[in-house]
Amino acid sequence: MPPRPNGHATSADRGGVPAYFLYGESLRAADGRPVHVETIAARSQLHHWRIGEHLHKDLHQILIIWRGRVEAHLDGQRTVLRGPAFINVPPMTVHAFRFATDTDGLVITYTACLAHEIVRDTGSLGEALHHAIGSRIRRAQLAATDIEQLATMLYRESARGAAGRDSALHGLLTTLVTNLVRLAQVTVIAGSSAANRDREMVAQFREVLEKHYRGHPDVKEYARQIGTSETALRKACVKIVGQSPSQLVHARMLIEAERLLRYTGKSIAEIAYDLGFDDPAYFSRFFAKGMGVSPRSFRRGAGKV
């Protein structure tokens, strides 16, 4: 069955590591909010400023540390940072944090759907968003930018229910992430060479997938295009993101179908054809199987009739 693109996946956790929606919360489907923002203290204080080892299956996270110290463990690699700094945590990255009790900052969690849109719109952040990163930010550089203001606006907007909220969150997050990557002395957290090769293969697969998923090539063709075998591609995808290549293809189609249903006035048949389906009825069954609701019902619930 195609996986649900937001909130959780059907695969097993990596090595028994617990998977959460947000730390301490059981897996659940995303509730329609593309971005969740909270202070570091809001959750870490409840756990004595220690966030245990865990992962998120289809959610990206960014931590911005304005002041204080954090010891971060990202896929087994330890790094210590003092604010101002930021940390990028891609999906399926096993991570844990230990914060100083005076740490001031934000945790920004956003969906795979929004990450795809940011990469599509910027064309330059794909590599950064899919790697674990820990980086200091020079205080003088921070003062010369609008990063603090953007983060504050994002924090406030995430708590609102005003019209145009999703568009505002998308724009603010895209601008914030772009500026963070520009300013940061970016350090991709080094893993084993084998893990890095697997990550690079998955990144290449995602890049090719983004260009060709509407044509419905099979996994063997995707593997051929990135110069590997179907078996090697499957092993890398399962290891790095916990899903098979076919599941990632289905998830990408569902993400785009969700976006088109939510934000455009195209008919369901038009959306089916736009996504490369010859039969709108088959598309409707595919969507219902993956999302647990028909395209028509999903659109109605998203506010489009």
Protein backbone atom coordinates (compact mmCIF):
# COMPACT_ATOMS: atom_id res chain seq x y z
CA MET A 1 0.00 0.00 0.00
CA PRO A 2 1.42 3.44 -0.82
CA PRO A 3 2.53 5.18 2.38
CA ARG A 4 0.87 8.29 3.71
CA PRO A 5 3.21 11.14 2.76
CA ASN A 6 2.91 13.17 5.95
CA GLY A 7 3.27 12.22 9.57
CA HIS A 8 4.19 8.54 9.47
CA ALA A 9 5.29 5.61 7.34
CA THR A 10 4.56 1.92 7.51
CA SER A 11 8.15 0.68 7.75
CA ALA A 12 9.87 -0.49 10.91
CA ASP A 13 11.92 1.90 13.01
CA ARG A 14 15.69 1.98 12.42
CA GLY A 15 17.26 -0.55 14.73
CA GLY A 16 14.46 -0.29 17.26
CA VAL A 17 14.92 3.48 17.69
CA PRO A 18 11.57 5.00 18.68
CA ALA A 19 9.80 7.06 16.02
CA TYR A 20 7.69 10.00 17.11
CA PHE A 21 5.54 12.66 15.50
CA LEU A 22 7.02 15.22 17.88
CA TYR A 23 9.20 13.99 20.72
CA GLY A 24 7.11 12.08 23.23
CA GLU A 25 4.07 11.99 20.91
CA SER A 26 3.02 8.78 19.17
CA LEU A 27 3.05 8.62 15.38
CA ARG A 28 0.03 10.18 13.75
CA ALA A 29 -0.94 11.74 10.47
CA ALA A 30 -0.14 15.42 10.12
CA ASP A 31 -3.10 17.54 11.14
CA GLY A 32 -3.04 19.84 8.12
CA ARG A 33 -0.49 22.24 9.62
CA PRO A 34 2.54 22.30 7.32
CA VAL A 35 4.75 23.88 10.00
CA HIS A 36 4.93 23.46 13.78
CA VAL A 37 7.10 25.88 15.76
CA GLU A 38 7.83 25.78 19.49
CA THR A 39 10.56 27.00 21.79
CA ILE A 40 13.33 24.60 22.72
CA ALA A 41 12.36 25.01 26.37
CA ALA A 42 8.70 24.10 25.80
CA ARG A 43 9.47 20.41 25.27
CA SER A 44 12.98 19.91 26.62
CA GLN A 45 12.17 21.32 30.07
CA LEU A 46 9.63 18.51 30.48
CA HIS A 47 12.47 16.02 29.95
CA HIS A 48 15.13 17.73 32.12
CA TRP A 49 16.62 19.39 29.04
CA ARG A 50 17.44 16.02 27.46
CA ILE A 51 15.76 14.74 24.31
CA GLY A 52 16.39 11.02 23.96
CA GLU A 53 17.42 9.17 20.83
CA HIS A 54 14.56 9.03 18.31
CA LEU A 55 13.66 9.75 14.70
CA HIS A 56 10.88 11.24 12.58
CA LYS A 57 9.79 9.29 9.53
CA ASP A 58 8.43 11.98 7.21
CA LEU A 59 9.17 15.22 9.03
CA HIS A 60 12.07 17.64 8.74
CA GLN A 61 13.32 19.63 11.73
CA ILE A 62 15.45 22.73 12.16
CA LEU A 63 16.73 23.87 15.55
CA ILE A 64 17.82 27.49 15.92
CA ILE A 65 19.83 28.21 19.06
CA TRP A 66 20.00 31.91 19.88
CA ARG A 67 21.83 31.46 23.21
CA GLY A 68 23.07 28.50 25.20
CA ARG A 69 24.79 25.21 24.53
CA VAL A 70 23.60 21.99 22.90
CA GLU A 71 25.23 18.60 22.60
CA ALA A 72 23.73 16.95 19.53
CA HIS A 73 23.94 13.34 18.43
CA LEU A 74 23.02 12.91 14.76
CA ASP A 75 23.21 9.40 13.31
CA GLY A 76 25.80 8.45 15.92
CA GLN A 77 27.99 11.53 15.43
CA ARG A 78 28.42 13.95 18.35
CA THR A 79 28.75 17.69 17.91
CA VAL A 80 28.68 20.50 20.48
CA LEU A 81 27.45 23.95 19.51
CA ARG A 82 26.97 27.27 21.29
CA GLY A 83 24.47 29.79 20.05
CA PRO A 84 23.92 31.33 17.71
CA ALA A 85 23.78 28.10 15.73
CA PHE A 86 21.43 25.91 13.79
CA ILE A 87 20.91 22.19 13.31
CA ASN A 88 19.17 20.50 10.40
CA VAL A 89 17.60 17.08 10.99
CA PRO A 90 16.30 15.27 7.87
CA PRO A 91 13.70 12.48 8.07
CA MET A 92 14.91 9.11 9.40
CA THR A 93 17.96 10.71 11.09
CA VAL A 94 18.45 9.22 14.56
CA HIS A 95 19.00 12.20 16.83
CA ALA A 96 19.26 13.20 20.49
CA PHE A 97 19.99 16.48 22.27
CA ARG A 98 21.22 17.68 25.63
CA PHE A 99 20.66 21.38 26.24
CA ALA A 100 22.09 23.73 28.83
CA THR A 101 19.28 24.93 31.08
CA ASP A 102 19.58 28.51 29.83
CA THR A 103 19.23 27.56 26.15
CA ASP A 104 17.01 29.90 24.16
CA GLY A 105 15.85 28.91 20.68
CA LEU A 106 13.22 27.40 18.43
CA VAL A 107 12.40 23.99 16.99
CA ILE A 108 10.77 24.15 13.56
CA THR A 109 9.12 20.97 12.28
CA TYR A 110 7.71 20.82 8.78
CA THR A 111 6.25 18.20 6.47
CA ALA A 112 7.81 16.37 3.55
CA CYS A 113 5.23 18.03 1.31
CA LEU A 114 6.50 21.48 2.25
CA ALA A 115 10.13 20.38 1.91
CA HIS A 116 9.43 19.26 -1.68
CA GLU A 117 7.86 22.64 -2.43
CA ILE A 118 10.82 24.54 -0.97
CA VAL A 119 13.31 22.52 -3.05
CA ARG A 120 11.15 22.98 -6.14
CA ASP A 121 10.87 26.75 -5.62
CA THR A 122 14.51 27.42 -4.70
CA GLY A 123 16.23 24.78 -6.80
CA SER A 124 19.27 25.01 -4.51
CA LEU A 125 18.44 23.72 -1.04
CA GLY A 126 17.88 20.04 -1.79
CA GLU A 127 21.31 18.89 -0.63
CA ALA A 128 21.19 20.90 2.59
CA LEU A 129 17.69 19.77 3.52
CA HIS A 130 18.57 16.09 3.14
CA HIS A 131 21.76 16.13 5.20
CA ALA A 132 22.25 16.34 8.95
CA ILE A 133 23.93 19.68 9.60
CA GLY A 134 25.25 21.40 12.71
CA SER A 135 26.65 24.87 12.25
CA ARG A 136 27.64 27.98 14.17
CA ILE A 137 26.40 31.35 12.92
CA ARG A 138 28.61 34.37 13.47
CA ARG A 139 26.86 36.83 15.75
CA ALA A 140 27.86 39.78 13.58
CA GLN A 141 26.38 38.09 10.53
CA LEU A 142 23.19 37.28 12.42
CA ALA A 143 22.82 40.91 13.45
CA ALA A 144 23.15 41.98 9.80
CA THR A 145 20.24 39.79 8.67
CA ASP A 146 16.51 39.48 9.29
CA ILE A 147 16.79 35.89 10.55
CA GLU A 148 15.60 36.67 14.08
CA GLN A 149 12.66 38.67 12.77
CA LEU A 150 11.77 35.94 10.26
CA ALA A 151 11.90 33.28 12.97
CA THR A 152 9.70 35.37 15.26
CA MET A 153 7.18 35.92 12.46
CA LEU A 154 7.18 32.19 11.66
CA TYR A 155 6.61 31.35 15.34
CA ARG A 156 3.66 33.74 15.56
CA GLU A 157 2.14 32.74 12.22
CA SER A 158 2.27 29.03 13.08
CA ALA A 159 -0.08 29.64 16.00
CA ARG A 160 -2.63 31.57 13.95
CA GLY A 161 -5.63 30.38 12.02
CA ALA A 162 -5.89 33.41 9.76
CA ALA A 163 -6.68 33.26 6.05
CA GLY A 164 -3.62 32.61 3.90
CA ARG A 165 -1.76 31.03 6.80
CA ASP A 166 -0.25 28.15 4.78
CA SER A 167 1.05 30.51 2.09
CA ALA A 168 2.57 32.78 4.73
CA LEU A 169 4.26 29.84 6.48
CA HIS A 170 5.64 28.55 3.19
CA GLY A 171 7.12 31.93 2.28
CA LEU A 172 8.56 32.63 5.72
CA LEU A 173 10.09 29.17 6.09
CA THR A 174 11.62 29.24 2.59
CA THR A 175 13.21 32.64 3.25
CA LEU A 176 14.41 31.63 6.72
CA VAL A 177 15.99 28.36 5.57
CA THR A 178 17.64 30.05 2.59
CA ASN A 179 19.24 32.67 4.82
CA LEU A 180 20.36 30.13 7.40
CA VAL A 181 22.12 28.04 4.76
CA ARG A 182 23.75 31.15 3.28
CA LEU A 183 25.15 32.37 6.59
CA ALA A 184 26.03 29.13 8.28
CA GLN A 185 29.51 27.73 8.30
CA VAL A 186 27.85 24.55 7.10
CA THR A 187 29.20 21.30 8.45
CA VAL A 188 27.55 18.16 7.17
CA ILE A 189 27.73 15.67 10.01
CA ALA A 190 30.13 12.97 8.85
CA GLY A 191 28.95 9.40 8.99
CA SER A 192 30.59 6.25 7.71
CA SER A 193 31.64 6.23 4.08
CA ALA A 194 29.06 3.51 3.35
CA ALA A 195 26.29 5.59 4.95
CA ASN A 196 27.38 8.64 2.97
CA ARG A 197 27.30 6.64 -0.27
CA ASP A 198 23.79 5.45 0.57
CA ARG A 199 22.67 9.00 1.36
CA GLU A 200 24.14 10.25 -1.92
CA MET A 201 22.36 7.49 -3.83
CA VAL A 202 19.04 8.35 -2.20
CA ALA A 203 19.61 12.05 -2.92
CA GLN A 204 20.28 11.24 -6.59
CA PHE A 205 17.18 9.07 -6.70
CA ARG A 206 15.05 11.86 -5.23
CA GLU A 207 16.43 14.29 -7.81
CA VAL A 208 15.59 11.98 -10.72
CA LEU A 209 12.23 11.12 -9.13
CA GLU A 210 11.33 14.80 -8.95
CA LYS A 211 11.90 15.17 -12.69
CA HIS A 212 10.24 11.99 -13.94
CA TYR A 213 7.60 10.67 -11.52
CA ARG A 214 4.74 11.85 -13.74
CA GLY A 215 5.98 9.47 -16.44
CA HIS A 216 5.65 6.46 -14.10
CA PRO A 217 9.02 4.82 -14.88
CA ASP A 218 9.65 1.60 -12.97
CA VAL A 219 12.29 1.28 -10.25
CA LYS A 220 14.68 -0.49 -12.63
CA GLU A 221 14.64 2.57 -14.89
CA TYR A 222 15.27 4.93 -11.97
CA ALA A 223 18.24 2.77 -10.94
CA ARG A 224 19.59 2.82 -14.50
CA GLN A 225 19.40 6.62 -14.62
CA ILE A 226 21.53 7.02 -11.51
CA GLY A 227 23.97 4.28 -12.49
CA THR A 228 23.19 1.62 -9.93
CA SER A 229 21.27 -1.63 -9.59
CA GLU A 230 17.68 -1.99 -8.51
CA THR A 231 18.80 -4.05 -5.51
CA ALA A 232 21.37 -1.48 -4.38
CA LEU A 233 18.86 1.34 -4.73
CA ARG A 234 16.29 -0.52 -2.67
CA LYS A 235 18.81 -1.30 0.09
CA ALA A 236 19.93 2.35 0.25
CA CYS A 237 16.38 3.70 0.41
CA VAL A 238 15.31 1.30 3.13
CA LYS A 239 18.45 2.02 5.15
CA ILE A 240 18.34 5.82 4.87
CA VAL A 241 14.63 6.69 4.79
CA GLY A 242 12.96 3.45 5.88
CA GLN A 243 10.96 3.08 2.68
CA SER A 244 11.41 1.21 -0.60
CA PRO A 245 11.88 3.12 -3.87
CA SER A 246 8.31 2.23 -4.89
CA GLN A 247 6.98 3.62 -1.62
CA LEU A 248 8.89 6.86 -2.17
CA VAL A 249 7.50 7.13 -5.70
CA HIS A 250 3.96 6.60 -4.41
CA ALA A 251 4.51 9.08 -1.59
CA ARG A 252 5.76 11.74 -4.05
CA MET A 253 2.67 11.26 -6.22
CA LEU A 254 0.42 11.54 -3.16
CA ILE A 255 2.19 14.72 -2.04
CA GLU A 256 1.60 16.33 -5.43
CA ALA A 257 -1.98 15.06 -5.58
CA GLU A 258 -2.61 16.53 -2.13
CA ARG A 259 -1.14 19.87 -3.19
CA LEU A 260 -3.20 20.04 -6.38
CA LEU A 261 -6.41 19.10 -4.57
CA ARG A 262 -5.78 21.61 -1.81
CA TYR A 263 -4.50 24.60 -3.75
CA THR A 264 -5.86 24.41 -7.31
CA GLY A 265 -9.28 24.35 -8.92
CA LYS A 266 -8.41 21.52 -11.29
CA SER A 267 -10.94 18.72 -11.52
CA ILE A 268 -10.04 15.30 -10.15
CA ALA A 269 -9.79 13.98 -13.70
CA GLU A 270 -7.45 16.83 -14.68
CA ILE A 271 -5.27 16.10 -11.65
CA ALA A 272 -5.18 12.40 -12.57
CA TYR A 273 -4.01 13.17 -16.10
CA ASP A 274 -1.52 15.78 -14.80
CA LEU A 275 0.05 13.05 -12.64
CA GLY A 276 0.33 10.62 -15.55
CA PHE A 277 -2.66 8.40 -14.80
CA ASP A 278 -4.59 7.20 -17.86
CA ASP A 279 -7.71 6.44 -15.83
CA PRO A 280 -9.09 8.95 -13.27
CA ALA A 281 -10.92 6.12 -11.50
CA TYR A 282 -7.62 4.31 -10.95
CA PHE A 283 -6.09 7.53 -9.63
CA SER A 284 -9.00 7.88 -7.18
CA ARG A 285 -8.45 4.32 -5.92
CA PHE A 286 -4.69 4.97 -5.62
CA PHE A 287 -5.30 8.15 -3.64
CA ALA A 288 -7.90 6.57 -1.37
CA LYS A 289 -5.63 3.61 -0.63
CA GLY A 290 -2.71 5.86 0.26
CA MET A 291 -4.56 8.59 2.15
CA GLY A 292 -7.50 6.69 3.60
CA VAL A 293 -10.00 9.07 2.00
CA SER A 294 -11.20 9.72 -1.55
CA PRO A 295 -9.89 12.74 -3.50
CA ARG A 296 -13.34 14.33 -3.37
CA SER A 297 -13.61 13.91 0.39
CA PHE A 298 -10.06 15.17 0.89
CA ARG A 299 -10.78 18.30 -1.13
CA ARG A 300 -13.99 18.93 0.76
CA GLY A 301 -12.13 18.64 4.05
CA ALA A 302 -9.43 21.00 2.78
CA GLY A 303 -12.05 23.64 2.07
CA LYS A 304 -12.49 23.09 -1.67
CA VAL A 305 -15.77 21.82 -3.09
